[in-house]
Amino acid sequence: MLELRTNDGGFVYASDTAAALNMGLSVEAIQAAEAEARKTAVSEECRRRIFAVASQNAQTNMSLAVGVIGAKTASTRTDIEKATLAGAEAALGWVMDMRAAFLALAADAQADYLADAAWPAIPPEAATIAAQF
């Protein structure tokens, strides 16, 4: 389903490109709607994959733990705290990689954004720390 903005600011919905063309909409408007629909779908897939590893609550709790541990001097951190920081750093790096993949996949209409191979693998230390929260 394509959602297309009309010249007067309203919206028109079309089931596919052919239907949109039959409604008299421009090729440019249709392409813009298709690109926006893909961007939304890829964004939702990226979000789903991140939340499958670490829910929003888990991410919040990880951030809080990093803040508490980060307030300590490096020399007073336990091995568990050091591992927590390393895992959180790896998780943040993975999320940044996921966002970069989102941009590339959203821009490439031919890319299969549902394929596991299209997305970066989560580092083991990031998966371990996320599972703890």
Protein backbone atom coordinates (compact mmCIF):
# COMPACT_ATOMS: atom_id res chain seq x y z
CA MET A 1 0.00 0.00 0.00
CA LEU A 2 1.40 3.35 -1.03
CA GLU A 3 0.60 6.55 0.83
CA LEU A 4 0.99 9.51 -1.51
CA ARG A 5 0.76 13.18 -0.61
CA THR A 6 -1.41 15.27 -2.92
CA ASN A 7 -0.66 18.82 -4.04
CA ASP A 8 -3.21 20.20 -1.58
CA GLY A 9 -1.53 18.46 1.39
CA GLY A 10 -3.91 15.53 1.62
CA PHE A 11 -3.16 11.86 1.15
CA VAL A 12 -4.17 9.31 -1.44
CA TYR A 13 -3.70 5.58 -0.98
CA ALA A 14 -2.97 3.19 -3.82
CA SER A 15 -2.52 -0.57 -3.68
CA ASP A 16 0.45 -0.53 -6.04
CA THR A 17 2.33 1.52 -8.63
CA ALA A 18 -0.11 0.71 -11.45
CA ALA A 19 -3.07 1.86 -9.36
CA ALA A 20 -1.25 5.08 -8.46
CA LEU A 21 -0.50 5.76 -12.12
CA ASN A 22 -4.16 5.11 -13.00
CA MET A 23 -5.11 7.71 -10.39
CA GLY A 24 -3.06 10.26 -12.29
CA LEU A 25 -0.20 10.54 -9.83
CA SER A 26 3.24 11.42 -11.13
CA VAL A 27 6.06 8.91 -11.39
CA GLU A 28 8.11 11.14 -9.06
CA ALA A 29 5.38 11.11 -6.40
CA ILE A 30 5.09 7.34 -6.67
CA GLN A 31 8.85 6.84 -6.40
CA ALA A 32 8.97 9.10 -3.34
CA ALA A 33 6.14 7.14 -1.72
CA GLU A 34 7.85 3.83 -2.49
CA ALA A 35 11.13 5.09 -1.02
CA GLU A 36 9.36 6.31 2.12
CA ALA A 37 7.52 3.00 2.51
CA ARG A 38 10.79 1.09 2.18
CA LYS A 39 12.53 3.37 4.68
CA THR A 40 9.75 2.73 7.20
CA ALA A 41 9.83 -1.04 6.64
CA VAL A 42 13.63 -1.23 6.96
CA SER A 43 13.53 0.95 10.09
CA GLU A 44 10.96 -1.35 11.68
CA GLU A 45 13.08 -4.40 10.83
CA CYS A 46 16.18 -2.76 12.31
CA ARG A 47 14.30 -1.89 15.49
CA ARG A 48 12.85 -5.41 15.72
CA ARG A 49 16.32 -6.95 15.43
CA ILE A 50 17.82 -4.65 18.07
CA PHE A 51 14.95 -5.24 20.50
CA ALA A 52 15.22 -9.00 19.93
CA VAL A 53 18.66 -8.75 21.52
CA ALA A 54 18.00 -6.03 24.11
CA SER A 55 14.57 -4.67 24.96
CA GLN A 56 14.12 -1.00 25.69
CA ASN A 57 14.18 -1.78 29.41
CA ALA A 58 17.37 -3.83 29.03
CA GLN A 59 19.00 -0.95 27.17
CA THR A 60 17.98 1.48 29.90
CA ASN A 61 19.34 -0.80 32.60
CA MET A 62 22.59 -1.28 30.69
CA SER A 63 22.96 2.51 30.47
CA LEU A 64 22.37 2.87 34.19
CA ALA A 65 24.94 0.17 34.97
CA VAL A 66 27.48 1.86 32.71
CA GLY A 67 26.84 5.16 34.50
CA VAL A 68 27.34 3.64 37.94
CA ILE A 69 30.44 1.71 36.91
CA GLY A 70 31.79 4.68 34.98
CA ALA A 71 31.67 6.80 38.13
CA LYS A 72 34.30 4.55 39.68
CA THR A 73 37.96 4.97 38.94
CA ALA A 74 39.30 2.36 36.55
CA SER A 75 41.58 0.91 39.22
CA THR A 76 38.65 0.16 41.56
CA ARG A 77 36.47 -1.65 39.02
CA THR A 78 35.97 -5.37 39.43
CA ASP A 79 36.51 -7.83 36.59
CA ILE A 80 32.73 -8.16 36.27
CA GLU A 81 32.38 -4.39 36.00
CA LYS A 82 35.13 -4.25 33.37
CA ALA A 83 33.35 -6.98 31.40
CA THR A 84 30.08 -5.08 31.71
CA LEU A 85 31.69 -1.94 30.28
CA ALA A 86 33.32 -3.89 27.45
CA GLY A 87 30.03 -5.61 26.62
CA ALA A 88 28.12 -2.34 26.69
CA GLU A 89 30.71 -0.71 24.43
CA ALA A 90 30.42 -3.63 22.00
CA ALA A 91 26.61 -3.38 22.12
CA LEU A 92 26.71 0.34 21.36
CA GLY A 93 29.07 -0.29 18.46
CA TRP A 94 26.70 -2.95 17.14
CA VAL A 95 23.72 -0.58 17.34
CA MET A 96 25.72 2.01 15.41
CA ASP A 97 26.55 -0.66 12.81
CA MET A 98 22.84 -1.56 12.64
CA ARG A 99 21.94 2.08 12.01
CA ALA A 100 24.51 2.27 9.22
CA ALA A 101 23.07 -0.92 7.72
CA PHE A 102 19.59 0.61 7.95
CA LEU A 103 20.71 3.61 5.90
CA ALA A 104 22.30 1.42 3.23
CA LEU A 105 19.37 -1.02 3.07
CA ALA A 106 16.77 1.75 2.96
CA ALA A 107 18.58 3.39 0.05
CA ASP A 108 18.91 0.18 -1.98
CA ALA A 109 15.51 -0.91 -3.29
CA GLN A 110 16.99 -4.23 -4.47
CA ALA A 111 18.55 -5.24 -1.14
CA ASP A 112 16.81 -7.96 0.87
CA TYR A 113 16.50 -6.26 4.24
CA LEU A 114 14.77 -9.31 5.72
CA ALA A 115 17.81 -11.54 5.15
CA ASP A 116 19.97 -12.15 8.21
CA ALA A 117 23.06 -11.71 6.05
CA ALA A 118 22.07 -8.10 5.34
CA TRP A 119 22.55 -7.12 8.98
CA PRO A 120 25.68 -7.02 11.16
CA ALA A 121 26.13 -9.92 13.56
CA ILE A 122 26.04 -9.04 17.22
CA PRO A 123 29.42 -9.41 18.93
CA PRO A 124 29.40 -12.23 21.52
CA GLU A 125 30.31 -9.90 24.40
CA ALA A 126 27.40 -7.61 23.48
CA ALA A 127 24.97 -10.55 23.41
CA THR A 128 26.27 -11.74 26.77
CA ILE A 129 25.80 -8.38 28.47
CA ALA A 130 22.38 -7.81 26.90
CA ALA A 131 21.21 -11.20 28.19
CA GLN A 132 22.13 -10.14 31.73
CA PHE A 133 19.70 -7.26 31.63
